[in-house]
C-alpha cells in the first residue's frame, strides 16, 4: 500500500513538473521594462535628493 502511494505521488510529481507553464494574462496598466526617467516638474531632477529641504518658520499666533 505504501509503495502504491509513493508511486502515485511520483507520477503526479513528474506530470506536474513536465507540464507547460501557464501564461499569466498581461496587465494593460503595467509599466514597460527599462530605465526609469525623472519627470520634469516633480522634484525628481538631477542633483535632487530624496529628502525634501524644509525651511524653519515660526508657528502662526492663532495655532498656539
PDB file of N, CA and C in Angstrom:
ATOM      1  N   UNK A   1       0.830  -1.193   0.000  1.00  0.00           N
ATOM      2  CA  UNK A   1       0.000   0.000   0.000  1.00  0.00           C
ATOM      3  C   UNK A   1       0.874   1.256   0.000  1.00  0.00           C
ATOM      4  N   UNK A   2       1.954   1.255   0.809  1.00  0.00           N
ATOM      5  CA  UNK A   2       2.837   2.407   0.872  1.00  0.00           C
ATOM      6  C   UNK A   2       3.562   2.609  -0.450  1.00  0.00           C
ATOM      7  N   UNK A   3       3.930   1.510  -1.104  1.00  0.00           N
ATOM      8  CA  UNK A   3       4.605   1.624  -2.395  1.00  0.00           C
ATOM      9  C   UNK A   3       3.661   2.229  -3.435  1.00  0.00           C
ATOM     10  N   UNK A   4       2.397   1.849  -3.380  1.00  0.00           N
ATOM     11  CA  UNK A   4       1.414   2.373  -4.328  1.00  0.00           C
ATOM     12  C   UNK A   4       1.248   3.888  -4.157  1.00  0.00           C
ATOM     13  N   UNK A   5       1.161   4.341  -2.921  1.00  0.00           N
ATOM     14  CA  UNK A   5       1.020   5.779  -2.652  1.00  0.00           C
ATOM     15  C   UNK A   5       2.280   6.520  -3.091  1.00  0.00           C
ATOM     16  N   UNK A   6       3.458   5.925  -2.848  1.00  0.00           N
ATOM     17  CA  UNK A   6       4.708   6.548  -3.257  1.00  0.00           C
ATOM     18  C   UNK A   6       4.795   6.659  -4.783  1.00  0.00           C
ATOM     19  N   UNK A   7       4.447   5.579  -5.477  1.00  0.00           N
ATOM     20  CA  UNK A   7       4.489   5.592  -6.941  1.00  0.00           C
ATOM     21  C   UNK A   7       3.469   6.588  -7.486  1.00  0.00           C
ATOM     22  N   UNK A   8       2.297   6.654  -6.889  1.00  0.00           N
ATOM     23  CA  UNK A   8       1.278   7.596  -7.319  1.00  0.00           C
ATOM     24  C   UNK A   8       1.753   9.041  -7.112  1.00  0.00           C
ATOM     25  N   UNK A   9       2.394   9.314  -5.991  1.00  0.00           N
ATOM     26  CA  UNK A   9       2.932  10.653  -5.730  1.00  0.00           C
ATOM     27  C   UNK A   9       4.029  11.001  -6.723  1.00  0.00           C
ATOM     28  N   UNK A  10       4.874  10.033  -7.071  1.00  0.00           N
ATOM     29  CA  UNK A  10       5.941  10.268  -8.047  1.00  0.00           C
ATOM     30  C   UNK A  10       5.347  10.561  -9.429  1.00  0.00           C
ATOM     31  N   UNK A  11       4.307   9.841  -9.814  1.00  0.00           N
ATOM     32  CA  UNK A  11       3.672  10.067 -11.115  1.00  0.00           C
ATOM     33  C   UNK A  11       3.084  11.477 -11.173  1.00  0.00           C
ATOM     34  N   UNK A  12       2.393  11.898 -10.104  1.00  0.00           N
ATOM     35  CA  UNK A  12       1.838  13.250 -10.073  1.00  0.00           C
ATOM     36  C   UNK A  12       2.940  14.301 -10.082  1.00  0.00           C
ATOM     37  N   UNK A  13       4.030  14.048  -9.385  1.00  0.00           N
ATOM     38  CA  UNK A  13       5.151  14.992  -9.363  1.00  0.00           C
ATOM     39  C   UNK A  13       5.795  15.147 -10.724  1.00  0.00           C
ATOM     40  N   UNK A  14       6.023  14.039 -11.405  1.00  0.00           N
ATOM     41  CA  UNK A  14       6.619  14.100 -12.743  1.00  0.00           C
ATOM     42  C   UNK A  14       5.659  14.779 -13.715  1.00  0.00           C
ATOM     43  N   UNK A  15       4.380  14.477 -13.611  1.00  0.00           N
ATOM     44  CA  UNK A  15       3.401  15.089 -14.511  1.00  0.00           C
ATOM     45  C   UNK A  15       3.317  16.601 -14.274  1.00  0.00           C
ATOM     46  N   UNK A  16       3.406  17.035 -13.027  1.00  0.00           N
ATOM     47  CA  UNK A  16       3.331  18.468 -12.725  1.00  0.00           C
ATOM     48  C   UNK A  16       4.573  19.204 -13.207  1.00  0.00           C
ATOM     49  N   UNK A  17       5.732  18.582 -13.089  1.00  0.00           N
ATOM     50  CA  UNK A  17       6.975  19.238 -13.494  1.00  0.00           C
ATOM     51  C   UNK A  17       7.145  19.266 -15.007  1.00  0.00           C
ATOM     52  N   UNK A  18       6.557  18.331 -15.705  1.00  0.00           N
ATOM     53  CA  UNK A  18       6.751  18.268 -17.144  1.00  0.00           C
ATOM     54  C   UNK A  18       5.675  19.006 -17.932  1.00  0.00           C
ATOM     55  N   UNK A  19       4.657  19.511 -17.260  1.00  0.00           N
ATOM     56  CA  UNK A  19       3.589  20.207 -17.972  1.00  0.00           C
ATOM     57  C   UNK A  19       4.056  21.602 -18.379  1.00  0.00           C
ATOM     58  N   UNK A  20       3.395  22.178 -19.378  1.00  0.00           N
ATOM     59  CA  UNK A  20       3.735  23.509 -19.873  1.00  0.00           C
ATOM     60  C   UNK A  20       3.333  24.555 -18.825  1.00  0.00           C
ATOM     61  N   UNK A  21       4.160  25.580 -18.630  1.00  0.00           N
ATOM     62  CA  UNK A  21       3.792  26.618 -17.662  1.00  0.00           C
ATOM     63  C   UNK A  21       2.591  27.419 -18.153  1.00  0.00           C
ATOM     64  N   UNK A  22       1.749  27.811 -17.229  1.00  0.00           N
ATOM     65  CA  UNK A  22       0.557  28.585 -17.556  1.00  0.00           C
ATOM     66  C   UNK A  22       0.965  30.050 -17.701  1.00  0.00           C
ATOM     67  N   UNK A  23       0.604  30.661 -18.823  1.00  0.00           N
ATOM     68  CA  UNK A  23       0.961  32.058 -19.046  1.00  0.00           C
ATOM     69  C   UNK A  23      -0.027  32.952 -18.315  1.00  0.00           C
ATOM     70  N   UNK A  24       0.507  33.911 -17.561  1.00  0.00           N
ATOM     71  CA  UNK A  24      -0.354  34.834 -16.840  1.00  0.00           C
ATOM     72  C   UNK A  24      -0.843  35.911 -17.793  1.00  0.00           C
ATOM     73  N   UNK A  25      -2.057  36.379 -17.610  1.00  0.00           N
ATOM     74  CA  UNK A  25      -2.573  37.426 -18.504  1.00  0.00           C
ATOM     75  C   UNK A  25      -1.790  38.729 -18.308  1.00  0.00           C
ATOM     76  N   UNK A  26      -1.621  39.483 -19.386  1.00  0.00           N
ATOM     77  CA  UNK A  26      -0.897  40.751 -19.335  1.00  0.00           C
ATOM     78  C   UNK A  26      -1.779  41.836 -18.742  1.00  0.00           C
ATOM     79  N   UNK A  27      -1.184  42.645 -17.865  1.00  0.00           N
ATOM     80  CA  UNK A  27      -1.885  43.768 -17.258  1.00  0.00           C
ATOM     81  C   UNK A  27      -1.798  44.964 -18.200  1.00  0.00           C
ATOM     82  N   UNK A  28      -2.922  45.511 -18.638  1.00  0.00           N
ATOM     83  CA  UNK A  28      -2.849  46.656 -19.566  1.00  0.00           C
ATOM     84  C   UNK A  28      -2.280  47.914 -18.919  1.00  0.00           C
ATOM     85  N   UNK A  29      -2.274  47.981 -17.588  1.00  0.00           N
ATOM     86  CA  UNK A  29      -1.757  49.154 -16.880  1.00  0.00           C
ATOM     87  C   UNK A  29      -0.314  48.988 -16.443  1.00  0.00           C
ATOM     88  N   UNK A  30       0.327  47.883 -16.816  1.00  0.00           N
ATOM     89  CA  UNK A  30       1.703  47.633 -16.389  1.00  0.00           C
ATOM     90  C   UNK A  30       2.663  48.568 -17.108  1.00  0.00           C
ATOM     91  N   UNK A  31       3.681  49.009 -16.379  1.00  0.00           N
ATOM     92  CA  UNK A  31       4.695  49.872 -16.964  1.00  0.00           C
ATOM     93  C   UNK A  31       5.668  49.043 -17.779  1.00  0.00           C
ATOM     94  N   UNK A  32       6.232  49.601 -18.832  1.00  0.00           N
ATOM     95  CA  UNK A  32       7.196  48.843 -19.638  1.00  0.00           C
ATOM     96  C   UNK A  32       8.510  48.655 -18.883  1.00  0.00           C
ATOM     97  N   UNK A  33       9.240  47.607 -19.247  1.00  0.00           N
ATOM     98  CA  UNK A  33      10.540  47.363 -18.641  1.00  0.00           C
ATOM     99  C   UNK A  33      11.533  48.388 -19.166  1.00  0.00           C
ATOM    100  N   UNK A  34      12.486  48.752 -18.340  1.00  0.00           N
ATOM    101  CA  UNK A  34      13.513  49.689 -18.781  1.00  0.00           C
ATOM    102  C   UNK A  34      13.938  50.606 -17.653  1.00  0.00           C
ATOM    103  N   UNK A  35      14.751  51.578 -18.004  1.00  0.00           N
ATOM    104  CA  UNK A  35      15.285  52.521 -17.022  1.00  0.00           C
ATOM    105  C   UNK A  35      14.248  53.606 -16.770  1.00  0.00           C
ATOM    106  N   UNK A  36      14.017  53.892 -15.502  1.00  0.00           N
ATOM    107  CA  UNK A  36      13.061  54.936 -15.146  1.00  0.00           C
ATOM    108  C   UNK A  36      13.701  56.302 -15.360  1.00  0.00           C
ATOM    109  N   UNK A  37      12.957  57.221 -15.916  1.00  0.00           N
ATOM    110  CA  UNK A  37      13.431  58.576 -16.179  1.00  0.00           C
ATOM    111  C   UNK A  37      12.693  59.542 -15.262  1.00  0.00           C
ATOM    112  N   UNK A  38      13.394  60.591 -14.756  1.00  0.00           N
ATOM    113  CA  UNK A  38      12.706  61.573 -13.907  1.00  0.00           C
ATOM    114  C   UNK A  38      11.715  62.395 -14.722  1.00  0.00           C
ATOM    115  N   UNK A  39      10.637  62.787 -14.073  1.00  0.00           N
ATOM    116  CA  UNK A  39       9.610  63.592 -14.718  1.00  0.00           C
ATOM    117  C   UNK A  39       9.832  65.043 -14.327  1.00  0.00           C
ATOM    118  N   UNK A  40       9.907  65.921 -15.316  1.00  0.00           N
ATOM    119  CA  UNK A  40      10.134  67.343 -15.051  1.00  0.00           C
ATOM    120  C   UNK A  40       8.971  67.932 -14.265  1.00  0.00           C
ATOM    121  N   UNK A  41       9.287  68.797 -13.307  1.00  0.00           N
ATOM    122  CA  UNK A  41       8.255  69.463 -12.525  1.00  0.00           C
ATOM    123  C   UNK A  41       7.821  68.708 -11.291  1.00  0.00           C
ATOM    124  N   UNK A  42       8.410  67.538 -11.013  1.00  0.00           N
ATOM    125  CA  UNK A  42       8.011  66.763  -9.840  1.00  0.00           C
ATOM    126  C   UNK A  42       9.066  66.788  -8.741  1.00  0.00           C
ATOM    127  N   UNK A  43      10.195  67.431  -8.981  1.00  0.00           N
ATOM    128  CA  UNK A  43      11.264  67.455  -7.992  1.00  0.00           C
ATOM    129  C   UNK A  43      12.230  66.308  -8.153  1.00  0.00           C
ATOM    130  N   UNK A  44      11.995  65.434  -9.103  1.00  0.00           N
ATOM    131  CA  UNK A  44      12.876  64.291  -9.331  1.00  0.00           C
ATOM    132  C   UNK A  44      13.844  64.625 -10.460  1.00  0.00           C
ATOM    133  N   UNK A  45      14.611  65.661 -10.298  1.00  0.00           N
ATOM    134  CA  UNK A  45      15.549  66.097 -11.328  1.00  0.00           C
ATOM    135  C   UNK A  45      16.977  65.788 -10.887  1.00  0.00           C
ATOM    136  N   UNK A  46      17.937  65.955 -11.790  1.00  0.00           N
ATOM    137  CA  UNK A  46      19.343  65.706 -11.478  1.00  0.00           C
ATOM    138  C   UNK A  46      19.803  66.598 -10.332  1.00  0.00           C
ATOM    139  N   UNK A  47      20.553  66.026  -9.426  1.00  0.00           N
ATOM    140  CA  UNK A  47      21.079  66.772  -8.289  1.00  0.00           C
ATOM    141  C   UNK A  47      20.115  66.854  -7.124  1.00  0.00           C
ATOM    142  N   UNK A  48      18.911  66.390  -7.289  1.00  0.00           N
ATOM    143  CA  UNK A  48      17.928  66.422  -6.214  1.00  0.00           C
ATOM    144  C   UNK A  48      18.109  65.235  -5.280  1.00  0.00           C
ATOM    145  N   UNK A  49      17.763  65.419  -4.044  1.00  0.00           N
ATOM    146  CA  UNK A  49      17.864  64.341  -3.072  1.00  0.00           C
ATOM    147  C   UNK A  49      16.508  63.724  -2.813  1.00  0.00           C
ATOM    148  N   UNK A  50      16.519  62.656  -2.046  1.00  0.00           N
ATOM    149  CA  UNK A  50      15.251  62.017  -1.719  1.00  0.00           C
ATOM    150  C   UNK A  50      14.591  62.660  -0.508  1.00  0.00           C
ATOM    151  N   UNK A  51      15.353  63.498   0.219  1.00  0.00           N
ATOM    152  CA  UNK A  51      14.791  64.187   1.380  1.00  0.00           C
ATOM    153  C   UNK A  51      14.403  65.603   0.973  1.00  0.00           C
ATOM    154  N   UNK A  52      13.211  66.058   1.318  1.00  0.00           N
ATOM    155  CA  UNK A  52      12.827  67.429   0.973  1.00  0.00           C
ATOM    156  C   UNK A  52      13.604  68.431   1.828  1.00  0.00           C
ATOM    157  N   UNK A  53      13.842  69.583   1.267  1.00  0.00           N
ATOM    158  CA  UNK A  53      14.527  70.636   2.014  1.00  0.00           C
ATOM    159  C   UNK A  53      13.463  71.466   2.723  1.00  0.00           C
ATOM    160  N   UNK A  54      13.468  71.389   4.039  1.00  0.00           N
ATOM    161  CA  UNK A  54      12.447  72.043   4.850  1.00  0.00           C
ATOM    162  C   UNK A  54      13.029  73.315   5.444  1.00  0.00           C
ATOM    163  N   UNK A  55      12.309  74.406   5.322  1.00  0.00           N
ATOM    164  CA  UNK A  55      12.739  75.660   5.907  1.00  0.00           C
ATOM    165  C   UNK A  55      11.941  75.905   7.185  1.00  0.00           C
ATOM    166  N   UNK A  56      12.660  76.315   8.227  1.00  0.00           N
ATOM    167  CA  UNK A  56      12.017  76.515   9.512  1.00  0.00           C
ATOM    168  C   UNK A  56      11.305  77.873   9.507  1.00  0.00           C
ATOM    169  N   UNK A  57      10.105  77.893  10.070  1.00  0.00           N
ATOM    170  CA  UNK A  57       9.344  79.140  10.218  1.00  0.00           C
ATOM    171  C   UNK A  57       8.596  79.071  11.545  1.00  0.00           C
ATOM    172  N   UNK A  58       8.187  80.236  12.018  1.00  0.00           N
ATOM    173  CA  UNK A  58       7.501  80.277  13.304  1.00  0.00           C
ATOM    174  C   UNK A  58       6.037  79.872  13.132  1.00  0.00           C
ATOM    175  N   UNK A  59       5.449  79.379  14.207  1.00  0.00           N
ATOM    176  CA  UNK A  59       4.063  78.938  14.190  1.00  0.00           C
ATOM    177  C   UNK A  59       3.151  80.170  14.224  1.00  0.00           C
ATOM    178  N   UNK A  60       2.085  80.170  13.437  1.00  0.00           N
ATOM    179  CA  UNK A  60       1.156  81.305  13.478  1.00  0.00           C
ATOM    180  C   UNK A  60       0.536  81.468  14.863  1.00  0.00           C
ATOM    181  N   UNK A  61       0.218  82.706  15.214  1.00  0.00           N
ATOM    182  CA  UNK A  61      -0.319  83.007  16.543  1.00  0.00           C
ATOM    183  C   UNK A  61      -1.643  82.308  16.811  1.00  0.00           C
ATOM    184  N   UNK A  62      -2.454  82.112  15.798  1.00  0.00           N
ATOM    185  CA  UNK A  62      -3.772  81.501  16.040  1.00  0.00           C
ATOM    186  C   UNK A  62      -3.679  79.978  16.228  1.00  0.00           C
ATOM    187  N   UNK A  63      -2.496  79.383  16.049  1.00  0.00           N
ATOM    188  CA  UNK A  63      -2.325  77.953  16.240  1.00  0.00           C
ATOM    189  C   UNK A  63      -1.631  77.625  17.567  1.00  0.00           C
ATOM    190  N   UNK A  64      -1.216  78.635  18.337  1.00  0.00           N
ATOM    191  CA  UNK A  64      -0.509  78.389  19.616  1.00  0.00           C
ATOM    192  C   UNK A  64      -1.465  78.073  20.715  1.00  0.00           C
TER     193      UNK A  64
END
